[in-house]
Amino acid sequence: MKTVNHKSNYIRRRDTGQVIWDDKQRTSVVCADHLAAQFSGSSVGELNAEAEESARQQVIAAHWDEYVAALEDRRTELRDISLDALPESIAQAIRCLEPGDAA
């Protein structure tokens, strides 16, 4: 919980012209992530992005063979989609140039 004192509005007294500040106190409740971010110097978004990247790297390292196979399958799929958008004669010529592929 965080309590902040602030002066929001001022009131000018008609008789003396003196300015009197309207003091207010606001209490806010902050989630643990936002509280930690205030002390770490990082934003919550940065902390979450770092956590996601760390988890991603951990899973990839633990399942490297599966990752490489899935990545290669996806690259092949996207390459085929791109080649299908070309005229057939050009796509066929490109496929013939690739090693290991049968025309």
PDB file of N, CA and C in Angstrom:
ATOM      1  N   MET A   1       0.849  -1.160   0.000  1.00  0.00           N
ATOM      2  CA  MET A   1       0.000   0.000   0.000  1.00  0.00           C
ATOM      3  C   MET A   1       0.903   1.234   0.000  1.00  0.00           C
ATOM      4  N   LYS A   2       0.490   2.241  -0.722  1.00  0.00           N
ATOM      5  CA  LYS A   2       1.270   3.460  -0.827  1.00  0.00           C
ATOM      6  C   LYS A   2       0.367   4.649  -0.529  1.00  0.00           C
ATOM      7  N   THR A   3       0.832   5.529   0.347  1.00  0.00           N
ATOM      8  CA  THR A   3       0.065   6.714   0.688  1.00  0.00           C
ATOM      9  C   THR A   3       0.821   7.934   0.183  1.00  0.00           C
ATOM     10  N   VAL A   4       0.134   8.798  -0.541  1.00  0.00           N
ATOM     11  CA  VAL A   4       0.749   9.990  -1.119  1.00  0.00           C
ATOM     12  C   VAL A   4      -0.022  11.210  -0.638  1.00  0.00           C
ATOM     13  N   ASN A   5       0.701  12.170  -0.123  1.00  0.00           N
ATOM     14  CA  ASN A   5       0.107  13.457   0.242  1.00  0.00           C
ATOM     15  C   ASN A   5       0.360  14.413  -0.909  1.00  0.00           C
ATOM     16  N   HIS A   6      -0.657  15.118  -1.328  1.00  0.00           N
ATOM     17  CA  HIS A   6      -0.452  16.090  -2.390  1.00  0.00           C
ATOM     18  C   HIS A   6      -1.389  17.277  -2.196  1.00  0.00           C
ATOM     19  N   LYS A   7      -0.986  18.352  -2.800  1.00  0.00           N
ATOM     20  CA  LYS A   7      -1.796  19.566  -2.764  1.00  0.00           C
ATOM     21  C   LYS A   7      -2.416  19.680  -4.149  1.00  0.00           C
ATOM     22  N   SER A   8      -3.717  19.570  -4.201  1.00  0.00           N
ATOM     23  CA  SER A   8      -4.346  19.535  -5.510  1.00  0.00           C
ATOM     24  C   SER A   8      -4.887  20.894  -5.942  1.00  0.00           C
ATOM     25  N   ASN A   9      -5.711  21.492  -5.151  1.00  0.00           N
ATOM     26  CA  ASN A   9      -6.329  22.770  -5.516  1.00  0.00           C
ATOM     27  C   ASN A   9      -5.998  23.804  -4.455  1.00  0.00           C
ATOM     28  N   TYR A  10      -5.971  25.010  -4.890  1.00  0.00           N
ATOM     29  CA  TYR A  10      -5.777  26.050  -3.886  1.00  0.00           C
ATOM     30  C   TYR A  10      -7.033  26.901  -3.794  1.00  0.00           C
ATOM     31  N   ILE A  11      -7.202  27.446  -2.618  1.00  0.00           N
ATOM     32  CA  ILE A  11      -8.343  28.309  -2.337  1.00  0.00           C
ATOM     33  C   ILE A  11      -7.784  29.673  -1.953  1.00  0.00           C
ATOM     34  N   ARG A  12      -8.257  30.712  -2.592  1.00  0.00           N
ATOM     35  CA  ARG A  12      -7.817  32.065  -2.244  1.00  0.00           C
ATOM     36  C   ARG A  12      -8.873  32.678  -1.318  1.00  0.00           C
ATOM     37  N   ARG A  13      -8.402  33.063  -0.152  1.00  0.00           N
ATOM     38  CA  ARG A  13      -9.321  33.696   0.800  1.00  0.00           C
ATOM     39  C   ARG A  13      -9.672  35.088   0.296  1.00  0.00           C
ATOM     40  N   ARG A  14     -10.960  35.383   0.320  1.00  0.00           N
ATOM     41  CA  ARG A  14     -11.417  36.683  -0.193  1.00  0.00           C
ATOM     42  C   ARG A  14     -10.982  37.851   0.679  1.00  0.00           C
ATOM     43  N   ASP A  15     -10.995  37.635   1.988  1.00  0.00           N
ATOM     44  CA  ASP A  15     -10.715  38.761   2.887  1.00  0.00           C
ATOM     45  C   ASP A  15      -9.233  39.142   2.919  1.00  0.00           C
ATOM     46  N   THR A  16      -8.321  38.131   2.871  1.00  0.00           N
ATOM     47  CA  THR A  16      -6.891  38.446   2.963  1.00  0.00           C
ATOM     48  C   THR A  16      -6.143  38.217   1.661  1.00  0.00           C
ATOM     49  N   GLY A  17      -6.732  37.477   0.744  1.00  0.00           N
ATOM     50  CA  GLY A  17      -6.034  37.142  -0.500  1.00  0.00           C
ATOM     51  C   GLY A  17      -5.030  36.013  -0.328  1.00  0.00           C
ATOM     52  N   GLN A  18      -4.970  35.449   0.865  1.00  0.00           N
ATOM     53  CA  GLN A  18      -4.037  34.359   1.151  1.00  0.00           C
ATOM     54  C   GLN A  18      -4.469  33.089   0.408  1.00  0.00           C
ATOM     55  N   VAL A  19      -3.457  32.375  -0.129  1.00  0.00           N
ATOM     56  CA  VAL A  19      -3.740  31.116  -0.822  1.00  0.00           C
ATOM     57  C   VAL A  19      -3.625  29.975   0.175  1.00  0.00           C
ATOM     58  N   ILE A  20      -4.651  29.162   0.230  1.00  0.00           N
ATOM     59  CA  ILE A  20      -4.650  27.993   1.104  1.00  0.00           C
ATOM     60  C   ILE A  20      -4.764  26.758   0.203  1.00  0.00           C
ATOM     61  N   TRP A  21      -3.850  25.851   0.372  1.00  0.00           N
ATOM     62  CA  TRP A  21      -3.869  24.624  -0.427  1.00  0.00           C
ATOM     63  C   TRP A  21      -4.834  23.625   0.172  1.00  0.00           C
ATOM     64  N   ASP A  22      -5.538  22.945  -0.689  1.00  0.00           N
ATOM     65  CA  ASP A  22      -6.463  21.898  -0.284  1.00  0.00           C
ATOM     66  C   ASP A  22      -5.664  20.599  -0.197  1.00  0.00           C
ATOM     67  N   ASP A  23      -5.190  20.277   0.985  1.00  0.00           N
ATOM     68  CA  ASP A  23      -4.363  19.082   1.157  1.00  0.00           C
ATOM     69  C   ASP A  23      -5.228  17.833   1.085  1.00  0.00           C
ATOM     70  N   LYS A  24      -4.737  16.877   0.330  1.00  0.00           N
ATOM     71  CA  LYS A  24      -5.445  15.607   0.217  1.00  0.00           C
ATOM     72  C   LYS A  24      -4.453  14.477   0.402  1.00  0.00           C
ATOM     73  N   GLN A  25      -4.963  13.371   0.810  1.00  0.00           N
ATOM     74  CA  GLN A  25      -4.136  12.189   0.974  1.00  0.00           C
ATOM     75  C   GLN A  25      -4.775  11.069   0.180  1.00  0.00           C
ATOM     76  N   ARG A  26      -3.982  10.407  -0.620  1.00  0.00           N
ATOM     77  CA  ARG A  26      -4.495   9.316  -1.449  1.00  0.00           C
ATOM     78  C   ARG A  26      -3.720   8.046  -1.102  1.00  0.00           C
ATOM     79  N   THR A  27      -4.448   6.984  -0.850  1.00  0.00           N
ATOM     80  CA  THR A  27      -3.839   5.695  -0.567  1.00  0.00           C
ATOM     81  C   THR A  27      -4.113   4.772  -1.743  1.00  0.00           C
ATOM     82  N   SER A  28      -3.047   4.164  -2.256  1.00  0.00           N
ATOM     83  CA  SER A  28      -3.172   3.271  -3.409  1.00  0.00           C
ATOM     84  C   SER A  28      -2.668   1.889  -3.030  1.00  0.00           C
ATOM     85  N   VAL A  29      -3.273   0.894  -3.626  1.00  0.00           N
ATOM     86  CA  VAL A  29      -2.812  -0.475  -3.458  1.00  0.00           C
ATOM     87  C   VAL A  29      -2.161  -0.879  -4.771  1.00  0.00           C
ATOM     88  N   VAL A  30      -0.961  -1.437  -4.678  1.00  0.00           N
ATOM     89  CA  VAL A  30      -0.200  -1.785  -5.865  1.00  0.00           C
ATOM     90  C   VAL A  30       0.027  -3.292  -5.866  1.00  0.00           C
ATOM     91  N   CYS A  31      -0.055  -3.902  -7.046  1.00  0.00           N
ATOM     92  CA  CYS A  31       0.195  -5.343  -7.109  1.00  0.00           C
ATOM     93  C   CYS A  31       1.685  -5.599  -6.876  1.00  0.00           C
ATOM     94  N   ALA A  32       2.024  -6.816  -6.531  1.00  0.00           N
ATOM     95  CA  ALA A  32       3.406  -7.167  -6.190  1.00  0.00           C
ATOM     96  C   ALA A  32       4.357  -6.903  -7.352  1.00  0.00           C
ATOM     97  N   ASP A  33       3.918  -7.170  -8.588  1.00  0.00           N
ATOM     98  CA  ASP A  33       4.778  -6.938  -9.755  1.00  0.00           C
ATOM     99  C   ASP A  33       5.116  -5.458  -9.896  1.00  0.00           C
ATOM    100  N   HIS A  34       4.106  -4.600  -9.752  1.00  0.00           N
ATOM    101  CA  HIS A  34       4.349  -3.166  -9.888  1.00  0.00           C
ATOM    102  C   HIS A  34       5.210  -2.632  -8.739  1.00  0.00           C
ATOM    103  N   LEU A  35       5.011  -3.179  -7.560  1.00  0.00           N
ATOM    104  CA  LEU A  35       5.812  -2.759  -6.417  1.00  0.00           C
ATOM    105  C   LEU A  35       7.277  -3.155  -6.633  1.00  0.00           C
ATOM    106  N   ALA A  36       7.509  -4.381  -7.061  1.00  0.00           N
ATOM    107  CA  ALA A  36       8.877  -4.838  -7.328  1.00  0.00           C
ATOM    108  C   ALA A  36       9.514  -4.021  -8.442  1.00  0.00           C
ATOM    109  N   ALA A  37       8.730  -3.679  -9.450  1.00  0.00           N
ATOM    110  CA  ALA A  37       9.253  -2.902 -10.572  1.00  0.00           C
ATOM    111  C   ALA A  37       9.703  -1.517 -10.127  1.00  0.00           C
ATOM    112  N   GLN A  38       9.015  -0.938  -9.154  1.00  0.00           N
ATOM    113  CA  GLN A  38       9.405   0.386  -8.665  1.00  0.00           C
ATOM    114  C   GLN A  38      10.789   0.360  -8.036  1.00  0.00           C
ATOM    115  N   PHE A  39      11.158  -0.740  -7.423  1.00  0.00           N
ATOM    116  CA  PHE A  39      12.448  -0.828  -6.753  1.00  0.00           C
ATOM    117  C   PHE A  39      13.538  -1.396  -7.654  1.00  0.00           C
ATOM    118  N   SER A  40      13.170  -2.130  -8.701  1.00  0.00           N
ATOM    119  CA  SER A  40      14.185  -2.728  -9.576  1.00  0.00           C
ATOM    120  C   SER A  40      14.626  -1.784 -10.680  1.00  0.00           C
ATOM    121  N   GLY A  41      13.820  -0.764 -10.966  1.00  0.00           N
ATOM    122  CA  GLY A  41      14.163   0.152 -12.043  1.00  0.00           C
ATOM    123  C   GLY A  41      13.678  -0.334 -13.399  1.00  0.00           C
ATOM    124  N   SER A  42      13.013  -1.459 -13.438  1.00  0.00           N
ATOM    125  CA  SER A  42      12.455  -1.995 -14.682  1.00  0.00           C
ATOM    126  C   SER A  42      10.950  -1.862 -14.657  1.00  0.00           C
ATOM    127  N   SER A  43      10.354  -1.831 -15.827  1.00  0.00           N
ATOM    128  CA  SER A  43       8.896  -1.794 -15.885  1.00  0.00           C
ATOM    129  C   SER A  43       8.357  -3.216 -15.773  1.00  0.00           C
ATOM    130  N   VAL A  44       7.080  -3.334 -15.470  1.00  0.00           N
ATOM    131  CA  VAL A  44       6.448  -4.650 -15.380  1.00  0.00           C
ATOM    132  C   VAL A  44       6.525  -5.358 -16.730  1.00  0.00           C
ATOM    133  N   GLY A  45       6.348  -4.590 -17.802  1.00  0.00           N
ATOM    134  CA  GLY A  45       6.456  -5.177 -19.139  1.00  0.00           C
ATOM    135  C   GLY A  45       7.827  -5.764 -19.405  1.00  0.00           C
ATOM    136  N   GLU A  46       8.861  -5.052 -18.988  1.00  0.00           N
ATOM    137  CA  GLU A  46      10.230  -5.554 -19.166  1.00  0.00           C
ATOM    138  C   GLU A  46      10.459  -6.813 -18.342  1.00  0.00           C
ATOM    139  N   LEU A  47       9.962  -6.814 -17.113  1.00  0.00           N
ATOM    140  CA  LEU A  47      10.119  -8.000 -16.262  1.00  0.00           C
ATOM    141  C   LEU A  47       9.390  -9.197 -16.852  1.00  0.00           C
ATOM    142  N   ASN A  48       8.163  -8.977 -17.367  1.00  0.00           N
ATOM    143  CA  ASN A  48       7.407 -10.071 -17.970  1.00  0.00           C
ATOM    144  C   ASN A  48       8.085 -10.573 -19.243  1.00  0.00           C
ATOM    145  N   ALA A  49       8.602  -9.659 -20.054  1.00  0.00           N
ATOM    146  CA  ALA A  49       9.293 -10.058 -21.284  1.00  0.00           C
ATOM    147  C   ALA A  49      10.540 -10.868 -20.956  1.00  0.00           C
ATOM    148  N   GLU A  50      11.253 -10.454 -19.925  1.00  0.00           N
ATOM    149  CA  GLU A  50      12.454 -11.186 -19.508  1.00  0.00           C
ATOM    150  C   GLU A  50      12.082 -12.580 -19.007  1.00  0.00           C
ATOM    151  N   ALA A  51      10.989 -12.687 -18.251  1.00  0.00           N
ATOM    152  CA  ALA A  51      10.537 -13.988 -17.746  1.00  0.00           C
ATOM    153  C   ALA A  51      10.125 -14.900 -18.891  1.00  0.00           C
ATOM    154  N   GLU A  52       9.392 -14.354 -19.870  1.00  0.00           N
ATOM    155  CA  GLU A  52       8.963 -15.160 -21.016  1.00  0.00           C
ATOM    156  C   GLU A  52      10.153 -15.639 -21.839  1.00  0.00           C
ATOM    157  N   GLU A  53      11.117 -14.751 -22.074  1.00  0.00           N
ATOM    158  CA  GLU A  53      12.297 -15.130 -22.853  1.00  0.00           C
ATOM    159  C   GLU A  53      13.104 -16.194 -22.120  1.00  0.00           C
ATOM    160  N   SER A  54      13.254 -16.038 -20.818  1.00  0.00           N
ATOM    161  CA  SER A  54      13.991 -17.017 -20.021  1.00  0.00           C
ATOM    162  C   SER A  54      13.306 -18.384 -20.064  1.00  0.00           C
ATOM    163  N   ALA A  55      11.985 -18.387 -19.916  1.00  0.00           N
ATOM    164  CA  ALA A  55      11.231 -19.647 -19.968  1.00  0.00           C
ATOM    165  C   ALA A  55      11.337 -20.282 -21.353  1.00  0.00           C
ATOM    166  N   ARG A  56      11.248 -19.449 -22.394  1.00  0.00           N
ATOM    167  CA  ARG A  56      11.359 -19.949 -23.771  1.00  0.00           C
ATOM    168  C   ARG A  56      12.724 -20.613 -23.983  1.00  0.00           C
ATOM    169  N   GLN A  57      13.781 -19.954 -23.538  1.00  0.00           N
ATOM    170  CA  GLN A  57      15.131 -20.501 -23.699  1.00  0.00           C
ATOM    171  C   GLN A  57      15.292 -21.808 -22.922  1.00  0.00           C
ATOM    172  N   GLN A  58      14.695 -21.879 -21.754  1.00  0.00           N
ATOM    173  CA  GLN A  58      14.778 -23.086 -20.931  1.00  0.00           C
ATOM    174  C   GLN A  58      14.085 -24.258 -21.623  1.00  0.00           C
ATOM    175  N   VAL A  59      12.893 -24.017 -22.170  1.00  0.00           N
ATOM    176  CA  VAL A  59      12.155 -25.084 -22.852  1.00  0.00           C
ATOM    177  C   VAL A  59      12.880 -25.508 -24.122  1.00  0.00           C
ATOM    178  N   ILE A  60      13.399 -24.541 -24.879  1.00  0.00           N
ATOM    179  CA  ILE A  60      14.124 -24.865 -26.116  1.00  0.00           C
ATOM    180  C   ILE A  60      15.353 -25.714 -25.796  1.00  0.00           C
ATOM    181  N   ALA A  61      16.085 -25.336 -24.763  1.00  0.00           N
ATOM    182  CA  ALA A  61      17.281 -26.103 -24.394  1.00  0.00           C
ATOM    183  C   ALA A  61      16.926 -27.526 -23.972  1.00  0.00           C
ATOM    184  N   ALA A  62      15.830 -27.678 -23.250  1.00  0.00           N
ATOM    185  CA  ALA A  62      15.428 -29.007 -22.769  1.00  0.00           C
ATOM    186  C   ALA A  62      14.881 -29.892 -23.887  1.00  0.00           C
ATOM    187  N   HIS A  63      14.346 -29.275 -24.942  1.00  0.00           N
ATOM    188  CA  HIS A  63      13.729 -30.033 -26.044  1.00  0.00           C
ATOM    189  C   HIS A  63      14.298 -29.585 -27.384  1.00  0.00           C
ATOM    190  N   TRP A  64      15.625 -29.514 -27.459  1.00  0.00           N
ATOM    191  CA  TRP A  64      16.297 -28.970 -28.626  1.00  0.00           C
ATOM    192  C   TRP A  64      15.915 -29.702 -29.913  1.00  0.00           C
ATOM    193  N   ASP A  65      15.914 -31.029 -29.903  1.00  0.00           N
ATOM    194  CA  ASP A  65      15.606 -31.795 -31.120  1.00  0.00           C
ATOM    195  C   ASP A  65      14.196 -31.508 -31.625  1.00  0.00           C
ATOM    196  N   GLU A  66      13.233 -31.450 -30.705  1.00  0.00           N
ATOM    197  CA  GLU A  66      11.859 -31.130 -31.093  1.00  0.00           C
ATOM    198  C   GLU A  66      11.762 -29.718 -31.664  1.00  0.00           C
ATOM    199  N   TYR A  67      12.487 -28.783 -31.047  1.00  0.00           N
ATOM    200  CA  TYR A  67      12.479 -27.397 -31.515  1.00  0.00           C
ATOM    201  C   TYR A  67      13.041 -27.297 -32.927  1.00  0.00           C
ATOM    202  N   VAL A  68      14.182 -27.932 -33.167  1.00  0.00           N
ATOM    203  CA  VAL A  68      14.811 -27.875 -34.492  1.00  0.00           C
ATOM    204  C   VAL A  68      13.900 -28.503 -35.544  1.00  0.00           C
ATOM    205  N   ALA A  69      13.266 -29.615 -35.218  1.00  0.00           N
ATOM    206  CA  ALA A  69      12.359 -30.276 -36.168  1.00  0.00           C
ATOM    207  C   ALA A  69      11.143 -29.393 -36.461  1.00  0.00           C
ATOM    208  N   ALA A  70      10.563 -28.798 -35.433  1.00  0.00           N
ATOM    209  CA  ALA A  70       9.400 -27.927 -35.625  1.00  0.00           C
ATOM    210  C   ALA A  70       9.781 -26.683 -36.419  1.00  0.00           C
ATOM    211  N   LEU A  71      10.943 -26.132 -36.132  1.00  0.00           N
ATOM    212  CA  LEU A  71      11.412 -24.952 -36.851  1.00  0.00           C
ATOM    213  C   LEU A  71      11.623 -25.272 -38.328  1.00  0.00           C
ATOM    214  N   GLU A  72      12.245 -26.386 -38.620  1.00  0.00           N
ATOM    215  CA  GLU A  72      12.481 -26.775 -40.017  1.00  0.00           C
ATOM    216  C   GLU A  72      11.154 -27.041 -40.737  1.00  0.00           C
ATOM    217  N   ASP A  73      10.215 -27.692 -40.066  1.00  0.00           N
ATOM    218  CA  ASP A  73       8.897 -27.938 -40.672  1.00  0.00           C
ATOM    219  C   ASP A  73       8.199 -26.619 -41.003  1.00  0.00           C
ATOM    220  N   ARG A  74       8.255 -25.692 -40.078  1.00  0.00           N
ATOM    221  CA  ARG A  74       7.590 -24.395 -40.295  1.00  0.00           C
ATOM    222  C   ARG A  74       8.258 -23.609 -41.422  1.00  0.00           C
ATOM    223  N   ARG A  75       9.602 -23.627 -41.462  1.00  0.00           N
ATOM    224  CA  ARG A  75      10.323 -22.945 -42.551  1.00  0.00           C
ATOM    225  C   ARG A  75       9.946 -23.539 -43.905  1.00  0.00           C
ATOM    226  N   THR A  76       9.875 -24.861 -43.969  1.00  0.00           N
ATOM    227  CA  THR A  76       9.507 -25.527 -45.220  1.00  0.00           C
ATOM    228  C   THR A  76       8.086 -25.158 -45.624  1.00  0.00           C
ATOM    229  N   GLU A  77       7.188 -25.150 -44.656  1.00  0.00           N
ATOM    230  CA  GLU A  77       5.788 -24.795 -44.925  1.00  0.00           C
ATOM    231  C   GLU A  77       5.672 -23.363 -45.458  1.00  0.00           C
ATOM    232  N   LEU A  78       6.359 -22.424 -44.815  1.00  0.00           N
ATOM    233  CA  LEU A  78       6.306 -21.027 -45.258  1.00  0.00           C
ATOM    234  C   LEU A  78       6.978 -20.850 -46.622  1.00  0.00           C
ATOM    235  N   ARG A  79       8.071 -21.579 -46.868  1.00  0.00           N
ATOM    236  CA  ARG A  79       8.740 -21.532 -48.172  1.00  0.00           C
ATOM    237  C   ARG A  79       7.803 -22.042 -49.264  1.00  0.00           C
ATOM    238  N   ASP A  80       7.098 -23.127 -48.990  1.00  0.00           N
ATOM    239  CA  ASP A  80       6.165 -23.674 -49.977  1.00  0.00           C
ATOM    240  C   ASP A  80       5.024 -22.704 -50.258  1.00  0.00           C
ATOM    241  N   ILE A  81       4.528 -22.033 -49.228  1.00  0.00           N
ATOM    242  CA  ILE A  81       3.470 -21.037 -49.419  1.00  0.00           C
ATOM    243  C   ILE A  81       3.975 -19.909 -50.319  1.00  0.00           C
ATOM    244  N   SER A  82       5.208 -19.477 -50.071  1.00  0.00           N
ATOM    245  CA  SER A  82       5.795 -18.412 -50.894  1.00  0.00           C
ATOM    246  C   SER A  82       5.982 -18.863 -52.326  1.00  0.00           C
ATOM    247  N   LEU A  83       6.466 -20.080 -52.522  1.00  0.00           N
ATOM    248  CA  LEU A  83       6.678 -20.587 -53.884  1.00  0.00           C
ATOM    249  C   LEU A  83       5.356 -20.782 -54.618  1.00  0.00           C
ATOM    250  N   ASP A  84       4.313 -21.170 -53.900  1.00  0.00           N
ATOM    251  CA  ASP A  84       3.001 -21.366 -54.524  1.00  0.00           C
ATOM    252  C   ASP A  84       2.425 -20.059 -55.055  1.00  0.00           C
ATOM    253  N   ALA A  85       2.898 -18.936 -54.515  1.00  0.00           N
ATOM    254  CA  ALA A  85       2.409 -17.641 -54.982  1.00  0.00           C
ATOM    255  C   ALA A  85       3.071 -17.223 -56.297  1.00  0.00           C
ATOM    256  N   LEU A  86       4.178 -17.892 -56.642  1.00  0.00           N
ATOM    257  CA  LEU A  86       4.885 -17.573 -57.891  1.00  0.00           C
ATOM    258  C   LEU A  86       4.241 -18.287 -59.068  1.00  0.00           C
ATOM    259  N   PRO A  87       4.509 -17.829 -60.277  1.00  0.00           N
ATOM    260  CA  PRO A  87       4.091 -18.603 -61.442  1.00  0.00           C
ATOM    261  C   PRO A  87       4.728 -19.991 -61.390  1.00  0.00           C
ATOM    262  N   GLU A  88       4.006 -20.992 -61.836  1.00  0.00           N
ATOM    263  CA  GLU A  88       4.437 -22.388 -61.707  1.00  0.00           C
ATOM    264  C   GLU A  88       5.809 -22.637 -62.316  1.00  0.00           C
ATOM    265  N   SER A  89       6.100 -22.029 -63.462  1.00  0.00           N
ATOM    266  CA  SER A  89       7.394 -22.272 -64.112  1.00  0.00           C
ATOM    267  C   SER A  89       8.555 -21.765 -63.250  1.00  0.00           C
ATOM    268  N   ILE A  90       8.380 -20.631 -62.615  1.00  0.00           N
ATOM    269  CA  ILE A  90       9.442 -20.085 -61.753  1.00  0.00           C
ATOM    270  C   ILE A  90       9.570 -20.925 -60.484  1.00  0.00           C
ATOM    271  N   ALA A  91       8.455 -21.282 -59.885  1.00  0.00           N
ATOM    272  CA  ALA A  91       8.483 -22.098 -58.672  1.00  0.00           C
ATOM    273  C   ALA A  91       9.146 -23.441 -58.945  1.00  0.00           C
ATOM    274  N   GLN A  92       8.842 -24.045 -60.089  1.00  0.00           N
ATOM    275  CA  GLN A  92       9.427 -25.338 -60.460  1.00  0.00           C
ATOM    276  C   GLN A  92      10.935 -25.205 -60.655  1.00  0.00           C
ATOM    277  N   ALA A  93      11.377 -24.124 -61.275  1.00  0.00           N
ATOM    278  CA  ALA A  93      12.807 -23.901 -61.490  1.00  0.00           C
ATOM    279  C   ALA A  93      13.535 -23.746 -60.155  1.00  0.00           C
ATOM    280  N   ILE A  94      12.937 -23.048 -59.215  1.00  0.00           N
ATOM    281  CA  ILE A  94      13.558 -22.869 -57.898  1.00  0.00           C
ATOM    282  C   ILE A  94      13.627 -24.202 -57.166  1.00  0.00           C
ATOM    283  N   ARG A  95      12.556 -24.970 -57.246  1.00  0.00           N
ATOM    284  CA  ARG A  95      12.550 -26.285 -56.563  1.00  0.00           C
ATOM    285  C   ARG A  95      13.600 -27.222 -57.149  1.00  0.00           C
ATOM    286  N   CYS A  96      13.859 -27.120 -58.443  1.00  0.00           N
ATOM    287  CA  CYS A  96      14.870 -27.968 -59.083  1.00  0.00           C
ATOM    288  C   CYS A  96      16.276 -27.599 -58.634  1.00  0.00           C
ATOM    289  N   LEU A  97      16.501 -26.359 -58.268  1.00  0.00           N
ATOM    290  CA  LEU A  97      17.820 -25.909 -57.862  1.00  0.00           C
ATOM    291  C   LEU A  97      18.178 -26.308 -56.419  1.00  0.00           C
ATOM    292  N   GLU A  98      17.171 -26.629 -55.616  1.00  0.00           N
ATOM    293  CA  GLU A  98      17.424 -26.955 -54.216  1.00  0.00           C
ATOM    294  C   GLU A  98      17.938 -28.370 -54.059  1.00  0.00           C
ATOM    295  N   PRO A  99      19.018 -28.531 -53.299  1.00  0.00           N
ATOM    296  CA  PRO A  99      19.591 -29.872 -53.107  1.00  0.00           C
ATOM    297  C   PRO A  99      18.650 -30.769 -52.285  1.00  0.00           C
ATOM    298  N   GLY A 100      18.585 -32.017 -52.677  1.00  0.00           N
ATOM    299  CA  GLY A 100      17.795 -32.976 -51.921  1.00  0.00           C
ATOM    300  C   GLY A 100      16.321 -33.001 -52.289  1.00  0.00           C
ATOM    301  N   ASP A 101      15.849 -32.071 -53.100  1.00  0.00           N
ATOM    302  CA  ASP A 101      14.450 -32.046 -53.492  1.00  0.00           C
ATOM    303  C   ASP A 101      14.300 -32.640 -54.883  1.00  0.00           C
ATOM    304  N   ALA A 102      13.298 -33.419 -55.052  1.00  0.00           N
ATOM    305  CA  ALA A 102      13.004 -33.973 -56.371  1.00  0.00           C
ATOM    306  C   ALA A 102      12.053 -33.034 -57.075  1.00  0.00           C
ATOM    307  N   ALA A 103      12.270 -32.814 -58.343  1.00  0.00           N
ATOM    308  CA  ALA A 103      11.425 -31.895 -59.105  1.00  0.00           C
ATOM    309  C   ALA A 103      10.111 -32.519 -59.438  1.00  0.00           C
TER     310      ALA A 103
END
